[in-house]
C-alpha atoms as a PDB file:
ATOM      1  CA  MET A   1     -40.881   8.863  49.742  1.00  0.00           C
ATOM      2  CA  LEU A   2     -43.884   7.608  51.733  1.00  0.00           C
ATOM      3  CA  THR A   3     -42.534   9.015  54.996  1.00  0.00           C
ATOM      4  CA  ASP A   4     -41.874  12.444  53.438  1.00  0.00           C
ATOM      5  CA  LEU A   5     -45.273  12.412  51.778  1.00  0.00           C
ATOM      6  CA  CYS A   6     -47.124  11.607  55.020  1.00  0.00           C
ATOM      7  CA  ALA A   7     -45.158  14.315  56.850  1.00  0.00           C
ATOM      8  CA  TYR A   8     -45.964  16.844  54.097  1.00  0.00           C
ATOM      9  CA  LEU A   9     -49.664  15.934  54.274  1.00  0.00           C
ATOM     10  CA  ARG A  10     -49.599  15.891  58.098  1.00  0.00           C
ATOM     11  CA  ASN A  11     -51.501  12.657  57.693  1.00  0.00           C
ATOM     12  CA  TRP A  12     -50.282   9.326  59.029  1.00  0.00           C
ATOM     13  CA  PHE A  13     -53.523   7.575  57.960  1.00  0.00           C
ATOM     14  CA  ASP A  14     -53.928   6.260  61.508  1.00  0.00           C
ATOM     15  CA  GLU A  15     -57.734   6.499  61.691  1.00  0.00           C
ATOM     16  CA  ASP A  16     -60.579   4.510  60.197  1.00  0.00           C
ATOM     17  CA  GLU A  17     -63.493   6.047  58.309  1.00  0.00           C
ATOM     18  CA  PHE A  18     -65.185   6.849  61.637  1.00  0.00           C
ATOM     19  CA  HIS A  19     -62.084   8.658  62.979  1.00  0.00           C
ATOM     20  CA  HIS A  20     -61.267   5.865  65.443  1.00  0.00           C
ATOM     21  CA  LYS A  21     -57.555   5.290  65.951  1.00  0.00           C
ATOM     22  CA  LEU A  22     -56.215   2.197  64.213  1.00  0.00           C
ATOM     23  CA  PRO A  23     -54.289  -0.469  66.133  1.00  0.00           C
ATOM     24  CA  ARG A  24     -50.749   0.337  67.202  1.00  0.00           C
ATOM     25  CA  TRP A  25     -48.251  -1.665  69.176  1.00  0.00           C
ATOM     26  CA  GLU A  26     -45.683  -0.241  71.562  1.00  0.00           C
ATOM     27  CA  GLN A  27     -43.158  -2.884  72.552  1.00  0.00           C
ATOM     28  CA  GLU A  28     -39.750  -4.285  71.751  1.00  0.00           C
ATOM     29  CA  PHE A  29     -39.381  -5.334  68.106  1.00  0.00           C
ATOM     30  CA  THR A  30     -36.598  -7.298  66.437  1.00  0.00           C
ATOM     31  CA  ILE A  31     -35.677  -7.005  62.790  1.00  0.00           C
ATOM     32  CA  SER A  32     -33.479  -9.920  61.743  1.00  0.00           C
ATOM     33  CA  GLY A  33     -32.316 -10.795  58.257  1.00  0.00           C
ATOM     34  CA  GLY A  34     -34.051  -7.609  57.092  1.00  0.00           C
ATOM     35  CA  LYS A  35     -37.463  -8.958  58.138  1.00  0.00           C
ATOM     36  CA  ILE A  36     -39.920  -7.995  60.842  1.00  0.00           C
ATOM     37  CA  ASP A  37     -42.758 -10.338  61.720  1.00  0.00           C
ATOM     38  CA  LEU A  38     -46.012  -8.403  61.844  1.00  0.00           C
ATOM     39  CA  THR A  39     -48.269 -11.422  61.292  1.00  0.00           C
ATOM     40  CA  GLY A  40     -51.675 -10.712  62.796  1.00  0.00           C
ATOM     41  CA  LYS A  41     -50.929  -7.002  62.966  1.00  0.00           C
ATOM     42  CA  VAL A  42     -50.465  -5.771  59.403  1.00  0.00           C
ATOM     43  CA  LEU A  43     -51.711  -7.319  56.159  1.00  0.00           C
ATOM     44  CA  ASP A  44     -49.599  -7.864  53.052  1.00  0.00           C
ATOM     45  CA  GLY A  45     -49.801  -4.688  50.979  1.00  0.00           C
ATOM     46  CA  GLN A  46     -50.850  -2.558  53.960  1.00  0.00           C
ATOM     47  CA  MET A  47     -48.900   0.526  54.912  1.00  0.00           C
ATOM     48  CA  PHE A  48     -47.465   0.807  58.404  1.00  0.00           C
ATOM     49  CA  ARG A  49     -45.232   3.202  60.299  1.00  0.00           C
ATOM     50  CA  ILE A  50     -42.197   2.399  62.425  1.00  0.00           C
ATOM     51  CA  TYR A  51     -41.489   5.014  65.083  1.00  0.00           C
ATOM     52  CA  GLY A  52     -38.766   4.920  67.717  1.00  0.00           C
ATOM     53  CA  SER A  53     -36.239   2.899  65.741  1.00  0.00           C
ATOM     54  CA  MET A  54     -32.629   4.032  65.320  1.00  0.00           C
ATOM     55  CA  LEU A  55     -32.350   2.641  61.784  1.00  0.00           C
ATOM     56  CA  ASN A  56     -35.823   2.134  60.339  1.00  0.00           C
ATOM     57  CA  ASP A  57     -38.118   5.023  61.328  1.00  0.00           C
ATOM     58  CA  GLY A  58     -40.514   5.604  58.468  1.00  0.00           C
ATOM     59  CA  VAL A  59     -43.520   4.449  56.487  1.00  0.00           C
ATOM     60  CA  TYR A  60     -43.440   1.171  54.577  1.00  0.00           C
ATOM     61  CA  ILE A  61     -45.685  -1.163  52.631  1.00  0.00           C
ATOM     62  CA  TYR A  62     -45.662  -4.613  54.241  1.00  0.00           C
ATOM     63  CA  SER A  63     -44.655  -7.324  51.791  1.00  0.00           C
ATOM     64  CA  PRO A  64     -42.299 -10.307  51.516  1.00  0.00           C
ATOM     65  CA  GLU A  65     -39.987  -8.078  49.439  1.00  0.00           C
ATOM     66  CA  LEU A  66     -39.619  -5.487  52.223  1.00  0.00           C
ATOM     67  CA  VAL A  67     -36.059  -5.380  53.556  1.00  0.00           C
ATOM     68  CA  LEU A  68     -35.231  -3.366  56.675  1.00  0.00           C
ATOM     69  CA  LYS A  69     -31.994  -2.856  58.607  1.00  0.00           C
ATOM     70  CA  ASP A  70     -31.415  -5.373  61.373  1.00  0.00           C
ATOM     71  CA  GLU A  71     -31.904  -4.080  64.903  1.00  0.00           C
ATOM     72  CA  THR A  72     -33.814  -4.554  68.116  1.00  0.00           C
ATOM     73  CA  PHE A  73     -35.667  -1.485  69.333  1.00  0.00           C
ATOM     74  CA  THR A  74     -38.394  -0.443  71.698  1.00  0.00           C
ATOM     75  CA  GLY A  75     -40.832   1.656  69.751  1.00  0.00           C
ATOM     76  CA  LEU A  76     -44.122   1.768  67.965  1.00  0.00           C
ATOM     77  CA  ILE A  77     -45.642   0.070  64.946  1.00  0.00           C
ATOM     78  CA  GLN A  78     -48.702   1.939  63.683  1.00  0.00           C
ATOM     79  CA  SER A  79     -51.058   0.273  61.219  1.00  0.00           C
ATOM     80  CA  MET A  80     -52.220   2.620  58.475  1.00  0.00           C
ATOM     81  CA  ARG A  81     -55.301   2.796  56.299  1.00  0.00           C
ATOM     82  CA  THR A  82     -54.689   4.241  52.846  1.00  0.00           C
ATOM     83  CA  GLU A  83     -56.495   4.170  49.559  1.00  0.00           C
ATOM     84  CA  PRO A  84     -55.020   2.553  46.436  1.00  0.00           C
ATOM     85  CA  ASP A  85     -55.198   6.022  44.816  1.00  0.00           C
ATOM     86  CA  PHE A  86     -52.787   7.404  47.418  1.00  0.00           C
ATOM     87  CA  ILE A  87     -50.251   4.651  46.780  1.00  0.00           C
ATOM     88  CA  ALA A  88     -50.620   5.196  43.013  1.00  0.00           C
ATOM     89  CA  VAL A  89     -49.870   8.920  43.375  1.00  0.00           C
ATOM     90  CA  ALA A  90     -46.857   8.122  45.575  1.00  0.00           C
ATOM     91  CA  LYS A  91     -45.520   5.759  42.896  1.00  0.00           C
ATOM     92  CA  GLU A  92     -46.026   8.405  40.208  1.00  0.00           C
ATOM     93  CA  MET A  93     -44.124  10.886  42.363  1.00  0.00           C
ATOM     94  CA  GLU A  94     -41.245   8.405  42.737  1.00  0.00           C
ATOM     95  CA  GLU A  95     -41.157   8.010  38.951  1.00  0.00           C
ATOM     96  CA  TRP A  96     -41.153  11.807  38.556  1.00  0.00           C
ATOM     97  CA  LEU A  97     -38.210  12.086  40.956  1.00  0.00           C
ATOM     98  CA  ALA A  98     -36.365   9.302  39.138  1.00  0.00           C
ATOM     99  CA  LYS A  99     -36.879  11.118  35.841  1.00  0.00           C
ATOM    100  CA  TYR A 100     -36.110  14.677  36.942  1.00  0.00           C
ATOM    101  CA  GLY A 101     -34.173  14.215  40.204  1.00  0.00           C
ATOM    102  CA  THR A 102     -33.037  17.441  41.783  1.00  0.00           C
ATOM    103  CA  VAL A 103     -33.350  20.019  39.063  1.00  0.00           C
ATOM    104  CA  THR A 104     -32.659  23.704  38.762  1.00  0.00           C
ATOM    105  CA  SER A 105     -35.196  26.226  37.597  1.00  0.00           C
ATOM    106  CA  SER A 106     -33.424  26.661  34.282  1.00  0.00           C
ATOM    107  CA  ALA A 107     -33.339  22.931  33.628  1.00  0.00           C
ATOM    108  CA  MET A 108     -37.116  22.716  34.020  1.00  0.00           C
ATOM    109  CA  SER A 109     -37.924  25.856  32.107  1.00  0.00           C
ATOM    110  CA  PRO A 110     -39.880  25.371  28.884  1.00  0.00           C
ATOM    111  CA  PHE A 111     -38.133  28.379  27.308  1.00  0.00           C
ATOM    112  CA  ASN A 112     -34.851  29.079  25.517  1.00  0.00           C
ATOM    113  CA  ALA A 113     -33.692  32.660  25.857  1.00  0.00           C
ATOM    114  CA  GLU A 114     -30.800  34.787  24.715  1.00  0.00           C
ATOM    115  CA  ALA A 115     -29.901  38.384  25.322  1.00  0.00           C
ATOM    116  CA  PHE A 116     -27.058  40.474  23.871  1.00  0.00           C
ATOM    117  CA  GLY A 117     -26.405  44.086  22.938  1.00  0.00           C
ATOM    118  CA  GLY A 118     -29.748  45.293  24.221  1.00  0.00           C
ATOM    119  CA  TYR A 119     -31.571  42.664  22.201  1.00  0.00           C
ATOM    120  CA  SER A 120     -33.213  39.613  23.698  1.00  0.00           C
ATOM    121  CA  TYR A 121     -35.550  36.902  22.620  1.00  0.00           C
ATOM    122  CA  SER A 122     -37.071  33.761  24.004  1.00  0.00           C
ATOM    123  CA  LYS A 123     -38.825  30.910  22.329  1.00  0.00           C
ATOM    124  CA  SER A 124     -40.837  28.027  23.583  1.00  0.00           C
ATOM    125  CA  VAL A 125     -39.335  24.592  23.062  1.00  0.00           C
ATOM    126  CA  GLY A 126     -42.638  22.821  23.364  1.00  0.00           C
ATOM    127  CA  GLY A 127     -44.778  21.360  26.084  1.00  0.00           C
ATOM    128  CA  ASN A 128     -43.742  19.452  29.105  1.00  0.00           C
ATOM    129  CA  ASP A 129     -44.979  16.622  31.245  1.00  0.00           C
ATOM    130  CA  TYR A 130     -44.821  18.440  34.546  1.00  0.00           C
ATOM    131  CA  SER A 131     -46.693  21.385  35.996  1.00  0.00           C
ATOM    132  CA  GLY A 132     -45.778  24.343  38.137  1.00  0.00           C
ATOM    133  CA  THR A 133     -43.628  27.299  37.294  1.00  0.00           C
ATOM    134  CA  ALA A 134     -39.938  26.991  36.581  1.00  0.00           C
ATOM    135  CA  SER A 135     -39.061  28.562  39.932  1.00  0.00           C
ATOM    136  CA  ASN A 136     -41.027  26.123  42.079  1.00  0.00           C
ATOM    137  CA  VAL A 137     -41.210  22.820  40.241  1.00  0.00           C
ATOM    138  CA  ASN A 138     -41.020  19.896  42.640  1.00  0.00           C
ATOM    139  CA  PRO A 139     -43.162  16.813  43.203  1.00  0.00           C
ATOM    140  CA  MET A 140     -45.405  18.619  45.666  1.00  0.00           C
ATOM    141  CA  THR A 141     -46.285  21.356  43.153  1.00  0.00           C
ATOM    142  CA  VAL A 142     -46.684  18.845  40.342  1.00  0.00           C
ATOM    143  CA  TYR A 143     -48.972  16.540  42.345  1.00  0.00           C
ATOM    144  CA  GLY A 144     -50.343  19.021  44.900  1.00  0.00           C
ATOM    145  CA  SER A 145     -53.873  19.139  43.541  1.00  0.00           C
ATOM    146  CA  ARG A 146     -54.113  15.346  43.584  1.00  0.00           C
ATOM    147  CA  LEU A 147     -52.715  15.182  47.140  1.00  0.00           C
ATOM    148  CA  ALA A 148     -55.024  17.877  48.508  1.00  0.00           C
ATOM    149  CA  ARG A 149     -57.791  15.486  49.525  1.00  0.00           C
ATOM    150  CA  TRP A 150     -55.472  13.748  52.005  1.00  0.00           C
ATOM    151  CA  LYS A 151     -53.856  16.869  53.466  1.00  0.00           C
ATOM    152  CA  LYS A 152     -54.664  17.738  57.062  1.00  0.00           C
ATOM    153  CA  ILE A 153     -54.375  21.266  58.345  1.00  0.00           C
END
């Protein structure tokens, strides 16, 4: 989710508040037992990006619980600077996807409708806990206004 979200925002959070590039390391890395040692590079709870890996390209949050696929690769590790609000929105989006998954327009519609013999009706079945229209409901439309502050053009 984090990788897709950063790609959607065109923002890899690779700059500090003064627009200076954050540290990045281009070298050979080894992931063994699902772990990569980034001691002295990335802090616990900090986001980072792996680029150039065959099995692990993406954005992750560094923690003891993080499990990656074992490999040795020559690539890049990019430290990232994100706000707690961004991570909170990402978690909410994951929960939204877990709840709704891939849905069709009709499944998300707040209306019941029936038509027969030239007669039709529709009735509302109540509110919902998502936003967007039935034809374009996805996490980006639901959370788009909250993500806007991080989007780069």
